[in-house]
């Protein structure tokens, strides 16, 4: 079963050289990381904070019992942070740190994906340069009997590595951009939820109303 795979790898190595093999290996690892991140996002419930948002809205409206009950039904990875805020913890730095700890777990692997997106085109270019050197060496060895097909064949094989490098880098960059966009939205949601719990509108209104009534009296 391994024989066809090994034969394919030999042909790829003969055609594009070791750089193409390296890029293929990088693409396999990158695909594994991307699939893991999608699974991690799905398990954590990234983007699915309906119950948590309803709990925060109930807390903002002054209905503490409903907020607690709704929060208990939430499966969001941010639920412990919001629960901590609703339990009376008023340390903004502590709450922000708790949220950032969870964001950091979800962002593991982003640096690797960013490195792949940046390095893959350079590896492809490196392979092209090596291929061009080999092509011109073959052309020099041919001497007076220069065959244009030798140079043309060497050039297209050399450019193959650049194409493979770009084929690895472009989708990786797009997927990383999507992941980063999701995490930015998560940070905005977490910050808004924490600020709402720490300074609910209903509480502020209750405090302002008596003061206004006393002033009127």
N, C-alpha and C. Protein backbone atom coordinates (compact mmCIF):
# COMPACT_ATOMS: atom_id res chain seq x y z
N UNK A 1 0.84 -1.22 0.00
CA UNK A 1 0.00 0.00 0.00
C UNK A 1 0.86 1.25 0.00
N UNK A 2 2.01 1.17 0.65
CA UNK A 2 2.90 2.33 0.71
C UNK A 2 3.69 2.52 -0.57
N UNK A 3 3.78 1.45 -1.38
CA UNK A 3 4.60 1.53 -2.58
C UNK A 3 4.12 2.60 -3.56
N UNK A 4 2.80 2.69 -3.86
CA UNK A 4 2.34 3.77 -4.76
C UNK A 4 2.63 5.16 -4.21
N UNK A 5 2.51 5.30 -2.90
CA UNK A 5 2.78 6.61 -2.29
C UNK A 5 4.24 6.98 -2.44
N UNK A 6 5.12 6.02 -2.17
CA UNK A 6 6.55 6.28 -2.30
C UNK A 6 6.94 6.57 -3.74
N UNK A 7 6.30 5.86 -4.67
CA UNK A 7 6.59 6.10 -6.08
C UNK A 7 6.16 7.50 -6.50
N UNK A 8 5.00 7.93 -6.00
CA UNK A 8 4.53 9.29 -6.29
C UNK A 8 5.48 10.33 -5.73
N UNK A 9 5.95 10.10 -4.51
CA UNK A 9 6.90 11.03 -3.91
C UNK A 9 8.21 11.09 -4.68
N UNK A 10 8.64 9.95 -5.21
CA UNK A 10 9.88 9.94 -6.01
C UNK A 10 9.69 10.76 -7.28
N UNK A 11 8.54 10.61 -7.90
CA UNK A 11 8.28 11.38 -9.13
C UNK A 11 8.23 12.88 -8.83
N UNK A 12 7.60 13.21 -7.72
CA UNK A 12 7.53 14.63 -7.35
C UNK A 12 8.92 15.17 -7.07
N UNK A 13 9.74 14.38 -6.38
CA UNK A 13 11.10 14.81 -6.07
C UNK A 13 11.92 14.97 -7.34
N UNK A 14 11.73 14.05 -8.31
CA UNK A 14 12.46 14.16 -9.57
C UNK A 14 12.00 15.37 -10.36
N UNK A 15 10.72 15.70 -10.25
CA UNK A 15 10.18 16.80 -11.04
C UNK A 15 10.45 18.16 -10.40
N UNK A 16 10.11 18.29 -9.13
CA UNK A 16 10.22 19.60 -8.48
C UNK A 16 11.34 19.73 -7.48
N UNK A 17 11.98 18.61 -7.15
CA UNK A 17 13.09 18.68 -6.21
C UNK A 17 12.64 18.61 -4.76
N UNK A 18 13.57 18.67 -3.85
CA UNK A 18 13.27 18.54 -2.41
C UNK A 18 12.42 19.69 -1.87
N UNK A 19 12.49 20.86 -2.52
CA UNK A 19 11.70 22.00 -2.03
C UNK A 19 10.21 21.70 -2.16
N UNK A 20 9.82 21.07 -3.26
CA UNK A 20 8.41 20.73 -3.45
C UNK A 20 7.97 19.71 -2.41
N UNK A 21 8.83 18.73 -2.13
CA UNK A 21 8.51 17.76 -1.09
C UNK A 21 8.33 18.44 0.26
N UNK A 22 9.20 19.41 0.56
CA UNK A 22 9.09 20.15 1.81
C UNK A 22 7.78 20.92 1.88
N UNK A 23 7.41 21.56 0.76
CA UNK A 23 6.16 22.32 0.73
C UNK A 23 4.96 21.40 0.88
N UNK A 24 5.02 20.22 0.31
CA UNK A 24 3.92 19.27 0.46
C UNK A 24 3.80 18.84 1.92
N UNK A 25 4.93 18.59 2.57
CA UNK A 25 4.90 18.22 3.99
C UNK A 25 4.32 19.36 4.83
N UNK A 26 4.70 20.58 4.51
CA UNK A 26 4.17 21.74 5.24
C UNK A 26 2.66 21.86 5.03
N UNK A 27 2.22 21.61 3.80
CA UNK A 27 0.79 21.72 3.51
C UNK A 27 -0.01 20.67 4.28
N UNK A 28 0.54 19.48 4.46
CA UNK A 28 -0.16 18.43 5.21
C UNK A 28 -0.29 18.84 6.68
N UNK A 29 0.80 19.34 7.26
CA UNK A 29 0.75 19.80 8.65
C UNK A 29 -0.21 20.97 8.80
N UNK A 30 -0.18 21.88 7.83
CA UNK A 30 -1.08 23.04 7.87
C UNK A 30 -2.53 22.61 7.81
N UNK A 31 -2.83 21.65 6.95
CA UNK A 31 -4.21 21.15 6.87
C UNK A 31 -4.64 20.53 8.19
N UNK A 32 -3.74 19.80 8.84
CA UNK A 32 -4.08 19.21 10.13
C UNK A 32 -4.37 20.29 11.17
N UNK A 33 -3.56 21.35 11.18
CA UNK A 33 -3.76 22.45 12.13
C UNK A 33 -5.09 23.15 11.87
N UNK A 34 -5.40 23.39 10.60
CA UNK A 34 -6.65 24.07 10.25
C UNK A 34 -7.86 23.24 10.67
N UNK A 35 -7.83 21.94 10.40
CA UNK A 35 -8.94 21.07 10.79
C UNK A 35 -9.09 21.04 12.31
N UNK A 36 -7.97 21.03 13.02
CA UNK A 36 -8.03 21.05 14.49
C UNK A 36 -8.64 22.35 14.99
N UNK A 37 -8.28 23.47 14.37
CA UNK A 37 -8.82 24.76 14.81
C UNK A 37 -10.32 24.83 14.56
N UNK A 38 -10.78 24.31 13.41
CA UNK A 38 -12.22 24.29 13.16
C UNK A 38 -12.93 23.45 14.22
N UNK A 39 -12.35 22.30 14.56
CA UNK A 39 -12.95 21.44 15.59
C UNK A 39 -12.94 22.15 16.94
N UNK A 40 -11.83 22.81 17.27
CA UNK A 40 -11.73 23.52 18.54
C UNK A 40 -12.75 24.65 18.62
N UNK A 41 -12.91 25.40 17.54
CA UNK A 41 -13.88 26.49 17.53
C UNK A 41 -15.30 25.94 17.70
N UNK A 42 -15.59 24.81 17.06
CA UNK A 42 -16.92 24.23 17.15
C UNK A 42 -17.22 23.74 18.56
N UNK A 43 -16.24 23.08 19.20
CA UNK A 43 -16.43 22.58 20.56
C UNK A 43 -16.59 23.73 21.55
N UNK A 44 -15.79 24.79 21.38
CA UNK A 44 -15.86 25.94 22.30
C UNK A 44 -17.12 26.77 22.09
N UNK A 45 -17.77 26.60 20.94
CA UNK A 45 -18.96 27.40 20.67
C UNK A 45 -18.65 28.81 20.22
N UNK A 46 -17.56 28.96 19.51
CA UNK A 46 -17.20 30.30 19.01
C UNK A 46 -18.29 30.80 18.07
N UNK A 47 -18.79 32.00 18.36
CA UNK A 47 -19.84 32.58 17.54
C UNK A 47 -21.24 32.17 17.97
N UNK A 48 -21.33 31.25 18.93
CA UNK A 48 -22.66 30.80 19.40
C UNK A 48 -22.81 31.19 20.87
N UNK A 49 -23.28 32.39 21.08
CA UNK A 49 -23.42 32.94 22.44
C UNK A 49 -24.84 33.45 22.68
N UNK A 50 -25.80 32.76 22.12
CA UNK A 50 -27.18 33.25 22.23
C UNK A 50 -27.65 33.28 23.68
N UNK A 51 -27.47 32.16 24.38
CA UNK A 51 -27.92 32.10 25.78
C UNK A 51 -27.14 33.09 26.64
N UNK A 52 -25.84 33.20 26.40
CA UNK A 52 -25.03 34.14 27.16
C UNK A 52 -25.48 35.58 26.92
N UNK A 53 -25.77 35.92 25.67
CA UNK A 53 -26.23 37.27 25.35
C UNK A 53 -27.58 37.56 26.00
N UNK A 54 -28.45 36.54 26.02
CA UNK A 54 -29.76 36.73 26.68
C UNK A 54 -29.58 36.92 28.19
N UNK A 55 -28.63 36.20 28.78
CA UNK A 55 -28.37 36.36 30.20
C UNK A 55 -27.86 37.75 30.52
N UNK A 56 -26.98 38.25 29.69
CA UNK A 56 -26.44 39.60 29.90
C UNK A 56 -27.54 40.64 29.72
N UNK A 57 -28.42 40.43 28.73
CA UNK A 57 -29.53 41.37 28.52
C UNK A 57 -30.48 41.37 29.72
N UNK A 58 -30.75 40.18 30.28
CA UNK A 58 -31.62 40.10 31.46
C UNK A 58 -30.97 40.79 32.66
N UNK A 59 -29.67 40.60 32.81
CA UNK A 59 -28.94 41.27 33.90
C UNK A 59 -28.99 42.79 33.71
N UNK A 60 -28.85 43.24 32.50
CA UNK A 60 -28.89 44.68 32.20
C UNK A 60 -30.27 45.25 32.51
N UNK A 61 -31.30 44.41 32.33
CA UNK A 61 -32.67 44.86 32.61
C UNK A 61 -33.03 44.77 34.08
N UNK A 62 -32.14 44.21 34.89
CA UNK A 62 -32.38 44.13 36.32
C UNK A 62 -32.97 42.82 36.80
N UNK A 63 -33.20 41.87 35.88
CA UNK A 63 -33.77 40.57 36.25
C UNK A 63 -32.63 39.60 36.55
N UNK A 64 -32.15 39.64 37.79
CA UNK A 64 -30.99 38.83 38.17
C UNK A 64 -31.28 37.33 38.14
N UNK A 65 -32.47 36.93 38.56
CA UNK A 65 -32.81 35.50 38.60
C UNK A 65 -32.85 34.91 37.19
N UNK A 66 -33.49 35.62 36.27
CA UNK A 66 -33.55 35.14 34.89
C UNK A 66 -32.17 35.12 34.26
N UNK A 67 -31.35 36.11 34.59
CA UNK A 67 -30.00 36.15 34.05
C UNK A 67 -29.20 34.94 34.49
N UNK A 68 -29.31 34.60 35.78
CA UNK A 68 -28.59 33.44 36.31
C UNK A 68 -29.07 32.15 35.67
N UNK A 69 -30.38 32.00 35.55
CA UNK A 69 -30.94 30.78 34.99
C UNK A 69 -30.55 30.61 33.52
N UNK A 70 -30.57 31.70 32.78
CA UNK A 70 -30.20 31.64 31.37
C UNK A 70 -28.71 31.38 31.20
N UNK A 71 -27.91 31.98 32.06
CA UNK A 71 -26.46 31.78 31.99
C UNK A 71 -26.10 30.32 32.27
N UNK A 72 -26.82 29.68 33.18
CA UNK A 72 -26.53 28.28 33.51
C UNK A 72 -26.78 27.36 32.31
N UNK A 73 -27.67 27.77 31.41
CA UNK A 73 -27.97 26.94 30.23
C UNK A 73 -27.00 27.20 29.07
N UNK A 74 -26.12 28.20 29.23
CA UNK A 74 -25.18 28.54 28.15
C UNK A 74 -24.02 27.55 28.11
N UNK A 75 -23.59 27.22 26.91
CA UNK A 75 -22.43 26.35 26.72
C UNK A 75 -21.22 27.12 26.21
N UNK A 76 -21.32 28.43 26.25
CA UNK A 76 -20.23 29.27 25.77
C UNK A 76 -18.99 29.12 26.65
N UNK A 77 -17.83 29.17 26.02
CA UNK A 77 -16.58 29.11 26.79
C UNK A 77 -16.37 30.38 27.62
N UNK A 78 -17.15 31.42 27.36
CA UNK A 78 -17.07 32.66 28.13
C UNK A 78 -18.00 32.64 29.35
N UNK A 79 -18.78 31.59 29.51
CA UNK A 79 -19.73 31.54 30.62
C UNK A 79 -19.06 31.68 31.99
N UNK A 80 -17.92 30.99 32.26
CA UNK A 80 -17.29 31.17 33.57
C UNK A 80 -16.86 32.60 33.85
N UNK A 81 -16.45 33.32 32.81
CA UNK A 81 -16.01 34.70 33.00
C UNK A 81 -17.20 35.59 33.36
N UNK A 82 -18.30 35.43 32.63
CA UNK A 82 -19.50 36.22 32.92
C UNK A 82 -20.07 35.84 34.27
N UNK A 83 -20.01 34.56 34.62
CA UNK A 83 -20.48 34.11 35.93
C UNK A 83 -19.66 34.75 37.04
N UNK A 84 -18.37 34.87 36.81
CA UNK A 84 -17.50 35.51 37.79
C UNK A 84 -17.89 36.97 37.99
N UNK A 85 -18.20 37.65 36.89
CA UNK A 85 -18.61 39.06 36.98
C UNK A 85 -19.96 39.20 37.69
N UNK A 86 -20.90 38.28 37.39
CA UNK A 86 -22.21 38.33 38.03
C UNK A 86 -22.15 37.96 39.51
N UNK A 87 -21.08 37.27 39.92
CA UNK A 87 -20.93 36.86 41.32
C UNK A 87 -20.40 37.98 42.21
N UNK A 88 -20.10 39.12 41.60
CA UNK A 88 -19.68 40.27 42.40
C UNK A 88 -18.23 40.68 42.25
N UNK A 89 -17.46 39.98 41.40
CA UNK A 89 -16.08 40.36 41.18
C UNK A 89 -16.04 41.63 40.31
N UNK A 90 -15.44 42.68 40.82
CA UNK A 90 -15.42 43.96 40.13
C UNK A 90 -14.04 44.34 39.62
N UNK A 91 -13.11 43.43 39.69
CA UNK A 91 -11.75 43.71 39.23
C UNK A 91 -11.70 43.56 37.71
N UNK A 92 -11.69 44.69 37.00
CA UNK A 92 -11.69 44.65 35.54
C UNK A 92 -10.49 43.90 35.00
N UNK A 93 -9.33 44.11 35.60
CA UNK A 93 -8.11 43.47 35.12
C UNK A 93 -8.20 41.95 35.27
N UNK A 94 -8.74 41.50 36.39
CA UNK A 94 -8.88 40.05 36.62
C UNK A 94 -9.83 39.44 35.60
N UNK A 95 -10.96 40.07 35.37
CA UNK A 95 -11.94 39.55 34.42
C UNK A 95 -11.38 39.55 33.00
N UNK A 96 -10.67 40.62 32.64
CA UNK A 96 -10.06 40.69 31.31
C UNK A 96 -9.01 39.60 31.14
N UNK A 97 -8.26 39.34 32.20
CA UNK A 97 -7.23 38.29 32.14
C UNK A 97 -7.87 36.92 31.97
N UNK A 98 -8.99 36.68 32.65
CA UNK A 98 -9.69 35.40 32.51
C UNK A 98 -10.17 35.21 31.08
N UNK A 99 -10.70 36.28 30.49
CA UNK A 99 -11.16 36.18 29.10
C UNK A 99 -9.98 35.97 28.15
N UNK A 100 -8.88 36.69 28.37
CA UNK A 100 -7.72 36.57 27.50
C UNK A 100 -7.10 35.17 27.56
N UNK A 101 -7.18 34.54 28.74
CA UNK A 101 -6.67 33.18 28.87
C UNK A 101 -7.42 32.24 27.94
N UNK A 102 -8.71 32.40 27.85
CA UNK A 102 -9.52 31.57 26.96
C UNK A 102 -9.28 31.92 25.49
N UNK A 103 -9.09 33.20 25.21
CA UNK A 103 -8.78 33.59 23.83
C UNK A 103 -7.44 33.01 23.39
N UNK A 104 -6.47 33.01 24.31
CA UNK A 104 -5.14 32.50 23.98
C UNK A 104 -5.19 31.03 23.60
N UNK A 105 -6.03 30.25 24.28
CA UNK A 105 -6.16 28.83 23.94
C UNK A 105 -6.72 28.66 22.53
N UNK A 106 -7.67 29.51 22.18
CA UNK A 106 -8.27 29.41 20.85
C UNK A 106 -7.33 29.92 19.76
N UNK A 107 -6.39 30.77 20.12
CA UNK A 107 -5.47 31.34 19.13
C UNK A 107 -4.18 30.55 18.97
N UNK A 108 -4.04 29.47 19.71
CA UNK A 108 -2.86 28.63 19.52
C UNK A 108 -2.85 28.05 18.11
N UNK A 109 -1.71 28.14 17.47
CA UNK A 109 -1.60 27.68 16.09
C UNK A 109 -1.66 28.81 15.08
N UNK A 110 -2.14 29.99 15.49
CA UNK A 110 -2.22 31.12 14.58
C UNK A 110 -0.83 31.54 14.10
N UNK A 111 0.14 31.52 15.01
CA UNK A 111 1.49 31.93 14.63
C UNK A 111 2.09 30.96 13.61
N UNK A 112 1.79 29.68 13.78
CA UNK A 112 2.27 28.70 12.79
C UNK A 112 1.65 28.97 11.43
N UNK A 113 0.34 29.21 11.39
CA UNK A 113 -0.32 29.49 10.12
C UNK A 113 0.22 30.76 9.48
N UNK A 114 0.49 31.76 10.30
CA UNK A 114 1.07 33.00 9.77
C UNK A 114 2.46 32.75 9.19
N UNK A 115 3.24 31.93 9.87
CA UNK A 115 4.59 31.60 9.37
C UNK A 115 4.51 30.85 8.03
N UNK A 116 3.56 29.93 7.93
CA UNK A 116 3.38 29.19 6.67
C UNK A 116 3.01 30.13 5.54
N UNK A 117 2.09 31.06 5.82
CA UNK A 117 1.65 32.00 4.79
C UNK A 117 2.79 32.90 4.31
N UNK A 118 3.75 33.19 5.20
CA UNK A 118 4.85 34.07 4.83
C UNK A 118 6.03 33.32 4.23
N UNK A 119 6.31 32.12 4.75
CA UNK A 119 7.52 31.40 4.34
C UNK A 119 7.30 30.58 3.06
N UNK A 120 6.10 30.08 2.83
CA UNK A 120 5.86 29.21 1.67
C UNK A 120 6.24 29.87 0.34
N UNK A 121 5.84 31.13 0.08
CA UNK A 121 6.27 31.75 -1.18
C UNK A 121 7.78 31.89 -1.27
N UNK A 122 8.45 32.15 -0.14
CA UNK A 122 9.91 32.27 -0.15
C UNK A 122 10.56 30.92 -0.45
N UNK A 123 10.01 29.84 0.10
CA UNK A 123 10.52 28.51 -0.22
C UNK A 123 10.33 28.20 -1.69
N UNK A 124 9.16 28.59 -2.22
CA UNK A 124 8.92 28.38 -3.64
C UNK A 124 9.91 29.15 -4.50
N UNK A 125 10.18 30.39 -4.11
CA UNK A 125 11.15 31.19 -4.85
C UNK A 125 12.54 30.60 -4.74
N UNK A 126 12.87 30.09 -3.56
CA UNK A 126 14.16 29.44 -3.37
C UNK A 126 14.31 28.23 -4.30
N UNK A 127 13.25 27.43 -4.39
CA UNK A 127 13.27 26.29 -5.30
C UNK A 127 13.40 26.71 -6.75
N UNK A 128 12.77 27.83 -7.10
CA UNK A 128 12.88 28.33 -8.47
C UNK A 128 14.30 28.75 -8.79
N UNK A 129 14.94 29.43 -7.84
CA UNK A 129 16.33 29.84 -8.05
C UNK A 129 17.23 28.62 -8.23
N UNK A 130 17.04 27.61 -7.40
CA UNK A 130 17.84 26.39 -7.55
C UNK A 130 17.57 25.73 -8.90
N UNK A 131 16.32 25.70 -9.31
CA UNK A 131 15.98 25.10 -10.60
C UNK A 131 16.57 25.87 -11.76
N UNK A 132 16.59 27.20 -11.68
CA UNK A 132 17.17 28.01 -12.74
C UNK A 132 18.68 27.79 -12.82
N UNK A 133 19.31 27.64 -11.67
CA UNK A 133 20.75 27.36 -11.66
C UNK A 133 21.03 26.04 -12.38
N UNK A 134 20.22 25.01 -12.07
CA UNK A 134 20.40 23.71 -12.71
C UNK A 134 20.15 23.80 -14.21
N UNK A 135 19.14 24.59 -14.61
CA UNK A 135 18.83 24.73 -16.03
C UNK A 135 19.97 25.38 -16.79
N UNK A 136 20.54 26.43 -16.22
CA UNK A 136 21.65 27.10 -16.91
C UNK A 136 22.92 26.25 -16.89
N UNK A 137 23.08 25.44 -15.85
CA UNK A 137 24.21 24.51 -15.85
C UNK A 137 24.09 23.49 -16.98
N UNK A 138 22.86 22.98 -17.18
CA UNK A 138 22.62 22.04 -18.27
C UNK A 138 22.84 22.71 -19.61
N UNK A 139 22.44 23.98 -19.70
CA UNK A 139 22.63 24.72 -20.94
C UNK A 139 24.11 24.94 -21.23
N UNK A 140 24.87 25.22 -20.18
CA UNK A 140 26.31 25.41 -20.35
C UNK A 140 26.99 24.10 -20.75
N UNK A 141 26.54 23.00 -20.15
CA UNK A 141 27.13 21.70 -20.46
C UNK A 141 26.86 21.29 -21.90
N UNK A 142 25.74 21.78 -22.46
CA UNK A 142 25.40 21.43 -23.84
C UNK A 142 26.37 22.06 -24.83
N UNK A 143 27.02 23.14 -24.43
CA UNK A 143 28.02 23.78 -25.28
C UNK A 143 27.38 24.38 -26.52
N UNK A 144 28.00 24.09 -27.67
CA UNK A 144 27.53 24.67 -28.93
C UNK A 144 26.22 24.04 -29.38
N UNK A 145 25.96 22.84 -28.95
CA UNK A 145 24.74 22.14 -29.36
C UNK A 145 23.60 22.50 -28.38
N UNK A 146 23.21 23.76 -28.41
CA UNK A 146 22.19 24.25 -27.50
C UNK A 146 20.81 23.88 -28.02
N UNK A 147 20.04 23.23 -27.17
CA UNK A 147 18.67 22.87 -27.51
C UNK A 147 17.72 23.76 -26.68
N UNK A 148 16.93 24.62 -27.33
CA UNK A 148 16.03 25.50 -26.56
C UNK A 148 15.09 24.73 -25.64
N UNK A 149 14.79 23.48 -25.99
CA UNK A 149 13.86 22.71 -25.16
C UNK A 149 14.49 22.39 -23.80
N UNK A 150 15.83 22.31 -23.75
CA UNK A 150 16.50 22.04 -22.48
C UNK A 150 16.27 23.20 -21.52
N UNK A 151 16.47 24.43 -22.04
CA UNK A 151 16.27 25.61 -21.21
C UNK A 151 14.80 25.78 -20.82
N UNK A 152 13.90 25.59 -21.80
CA UNK A 152 12.47 25.76 -21.52
C UNK A 152 11.98 24.75 -20.49
N UNK A 153 12.44 23.50 -20.65
CA UNK A 153 12.03 22.47 -19.69
C UNK A 153 12.54 22.76 -18.31
N UNK A 154 13.79 23.23 -18.20
CA UNK A 154 14.34 23.55 -16.89
C UNK A 154 13.62 24.72 -16.24
N UNK A 155 13.19 25.69 -17.06
CA UNK A 155 12.52 26.86 -16.49
C UNK A 155 11.14 26.49 -15.95
N UNK A 156 10.37 25.71 -16.70
CA UNK A 156 9.02 25.41 -16.20
C UNK A 156 9.07 24.51 -14.97
N UNK A 157 10.04 23.64 -14.91
CA UNK A 157 10.20 22.83 -13.71
C UNK A 157 10.60 23.71 -12.52
N UNK A 158 11.47 24.70 -12.78
CA UNK A 158 11.89 25.61 -11.72
C UNK A 158 10.72 26.45 -11.21
N UNK A 159 9.88 26.92 -12.13
CA UNK A 159 8.73 27.74 -11.74
C UNK A 159 7.67 26.94 -11.02
N UNK A 160 7.72 25.62 -11.15
CA UNK A 160 6.75 24.78 -10.45
C UNK A 160 6.81 24.97 -8.95
N UNK A 161 8.00 25.16 -8.42
CA UNK A 161 8.14 25.33 -6.97
C UNK A 161 7.49 26.63 -6.49
N UNK A 162 7.60 27.69 -7.30
CA UNK A 162 6.93 28.94 -6.95
C UNK A 162 5.42 28.77 -6.93
N UNK A 163 4.90 28.05 -7.92
CA UNK A 163 3.46 27.80 -7.98
C UNK A 163 2.99 27.01 -6.77
N UNK A 164 3.75 26.00 -6.39
CA UNK A 164 3.37 25.19 -5.22
C UNK A 164 3.43 26.04 -3.95
N UNK A 165 4.46 26.87 -3.83
CA UNK A 165 4.57 27.74 -2.66
C UNK A 165 3.39 28.69 -2.54
N UNK A 166 2.98 29.27 -3.65
CA UNK A 166 1.82 30.17 -3.63
C UNK A 166 0.53 29.40 -3.36
N UNK A 167 0.44 28.18 -3.88
CA UNK A 167 -0.76 27.36 -3.65
C UNK A 167 -0.91 27.01 -2.17
N UNK A 168 0.20 26.89 -1.48
CA UNK A 168 0.15 26.63 -0.03
C UNK A 168 -0.13 27.91 0.75
N UNK A 169 0.49 29.02 0.35
CA UNK A 169 0.42 30.25 1.12
C UNK A 169 -0.94 30.95 1.02
N UNK A 170 -1.53 31.01 -0.17
CA UNK A 170 -2.74 31.80 -0.35
C UNK A 170 -3.93 31.29 0.46
N UNK A 171 -4.29 30.01 0.37
CA UNK A 171 -5.41 29.55 1.21
C UNK A 171 -5.12 29.63 2.70
N UNK A 172 -3.85 29.42 3.07
CA UNK A 172 -3.49 29.53 4.48
C UNK A 172 -3.72 30.96 4.99
N UNK A 173 -3.33 31.95 4.18
CA UNK A 173 -3.52 33.34 4.58
C UNK A 173 -5.01 33.69 4.70
N UNK A 174 -5.82 33.18 3.77
CA UNK A 174 -7.25 33.46 3.81
C UNK A 174 -7.91 32.83 5.04
N UNK A 175 -7.55 31.59 5.33
CA UNK A 175 -8.13 30.91 6.49
C UNK A 175 -7.69 31.59 7.79
N UNK A 176 -6.41 31.97 7.86
CA UNK A 176 -5.93 32.67 9.05
C UNK A 176 -6.66 33.99 9.24
N UNK A 177 -6.90 34.70 8.15
CA UNK A 177 -7.63 35.97 8.23
C UNK A 177 -9.04 35.74 8.77
N UNK A 178 -9.68 34.65 8.36
CA UNK A 178 -11.02 34.34 8.85
C UNK A 178 -10.97 34.02 10.34
N UNK A 179 -10.00 33.21 10.76
CA UNK A 179 -9.85 32.88 12.18
C UNK A 179 -9.65 34.15 13.02
N UNK A 180 -8.77 35.02 12.55
CA UNK A 180 -8.48 36.25 13.29
C UNK A 180 -9.71 37.15 13.36
N UNK A 181 -10.50 37.18 12.30
CA UNK A 181 -11.73 37.97 12.30
C UNK A 181 -12.73 37.44 13.32
N UNK A 182 -12.82 36.11 13.41
CA UNK A 182 -13.72 35.52 14.40
C UNK A 182 -13.28 35.87 15.83
N UNK A 183 -11.97 35.81 16.07
CA UNK A 183 -11.48 36.09 17.41
C UNK A 183 -11.64 37.57 17.77
N UNK A 184 -11.52 38.43 16.79
CA UNK A 184 -11.74 39.86 17.04
C UNK A 184 -13.20 40.10 17.45
N UNK A 185 -14.12 39.42 16.77
CA UNK A 185 -15.54 39.54 17.13
C UNK A 185 -15.79 38.98 18.53
N UNK A 186 -15.09 37.91 18.89
CA UNK A 186 -15.24 37.33 20.23
C UNK A 186 -14.77 38.31 21.30
N UNK A 187 -13.68 39.01 21.04
CA UNK A 187 -13.16 39.97 22.00
C UNK A 187 -14.14 41.13 22.20
N UNK A 188 -14.72 41.60 21.10
CA UNK A 188 -15.70 42.69 21.20
C UNK A 188 -16.91 42.25 22.01
N UNK A 189 -17.40 41.03 21.75
CA UNK A 189 -18.56 40.52 22.48
C UNK A 189 -18.24 40.38 23.97
N UNK A 190 -17.07 39.83 24.29
CA UNK A 190 -16.69 39.63 25.69
C UNK A 190 -16.57 40.96 26.43
N UNK A 191 -15.96 41.94 25.79
CA UNK A 191 -15.78 43.24 26.43
C UNK A 191 -17.13 43.91 26.68
N UNK A 192 -18.01 43.83 25.68
CA UNK A 192 -19.33 44.43 25.85
C UNK A 192 -20.12 43.74 26.96
N UNK A 193 -20.05 42.41 27.01
CA UNK A 193 -20.78 41.66 28.03
C UNK A 193 -20.27 41.99 29.43
N UNK A 194 -18.96 42.04 29.59
CA UNK A 194 -18.39 42.34 30.91
C UNK A 194 -18.76 43.75 31.36
N UNK A 195 -18.67 44.71 30.45
CA UNK A 195 -19.01 46.09 30.82
C UNK A 195 -20.49 46.22 31.18
N UNK A 196 -21.32 45.45 30.47
CA UNK A 196 -22.76 45.50 30.77
C UNK A 196 -23.06 44.92 32.14
N UNK A 197 -22.39 43.80 32.48
CA UNK A 197 -22.61 43.16 33.78
C UNK A 197 -22.08 44.04 34.91
N UNK A 198 -20.93 44.66 34.69
CA UNK A 198 -20.32 45.48 35.74
C UNK A 198 -21.05 46.81 35.92
N UNK A 199 -21.67 47.32 34.86
CA UNK A 199 -22.39 48.60 34.95
C UNK A 199 -23.71 48.50 34.22
N UNK A 200 -24.67 47.74 34.76
CA UNK A 200 -25.95 47.56 34.07
C UNK A 200 -26.76 48.85 34.01
N UNK A 201 -27.54 48.99 32.96
CA UNK A 201 -28.34 50.19 32.76
C UNK A 201 -29.40 50.34 33.84
N UNK A 202 -30.02 49.24 34.21
CA UNK A 202 -31.11 49.29 35.21
C UNK A 202 -30.60 49.78 36.56
N UNK A 203 -29.42 49.34 36.95
CA UNK A 203 -28.86 49.78 38.24
C UNK A 203 -28.58 51.27 38.21
N UNK A 204 -28.02 51.73 37.08
CA UNK A 204 -27.73 53.17 36.97
C UNK A 204 -29.02 53.97 37.03
N UNK A 205 -30.06 53.45 36.38
CA UNK A 205 -31.33 54.16 36.39
C UNK A 205 -31.92 54.22 37.80
N UNK A 206 -31.79 53.08 38.55
CA UNK A 206 -32.30 53.05 39.92
C UNK A 206 -31.58 54.05 40.82
N UNK A 207 -30.28 54.26 40.56
CA UNK A 207 -29.51 55.18 41.37
C UNK A 207 -29.82 56.63 41.02
N UNK A 208 -30.09 56.86 39.72
CA UNK A 208 -30.35 58.23 39.29
C UNK A 208 -31.73 58.69 39.72
N UNK A 209 -32.72 57.76 39.70
CA UNK A 209 -34.10 58.13 40.00
C UNK A 209 -34.27 58.69 41.43
N UNK A 210 -33.76 58.01 42.46
CA UNK A 210 -33.90 58.59 43.80
C UNK A 210 -33.23 59.93 43.95
N UNK A 211 -32.08 60.07 43.32
CA UNK A 211 -31.37 61.35 43.42
C UNK A 211 -32.20 62.46 42.80
N UNK A 212 -32.81 62.16 41.67
CA UNK A 212 -33.66 63.15 41.01
C UNK A 212 -34.88 63.48 41.83
N UNK A 213 -35.44 62.43 42.47
CA UNK A 213 -36.62 62.65 43.29
C UNK A 213 -36.30 63.52 44.50
N UNK A 214 -35.14 63.28 45.13
CA UNK A 214 -34.74 64.09 46.29
C UNK A 214 -34.50 65.54 45.90
N UNK A 215 -33.91 65.71 44.71
CA UNK A 215 -33.66 67.07 44.26
C UNK A 215 -34.96 67.80 44.01
N UNK A 216 -35.94 67.06 43.45
CA UNK A 216 -37.24 67.68 43.18
C UNK A 216 -37.96 68.03 44.46
N UNK A 217 -37.80 67.14 45.48
CA UNK A 217 -38.46 67.39 46.77
C UNK A 217 -37.84 68.60 47.44
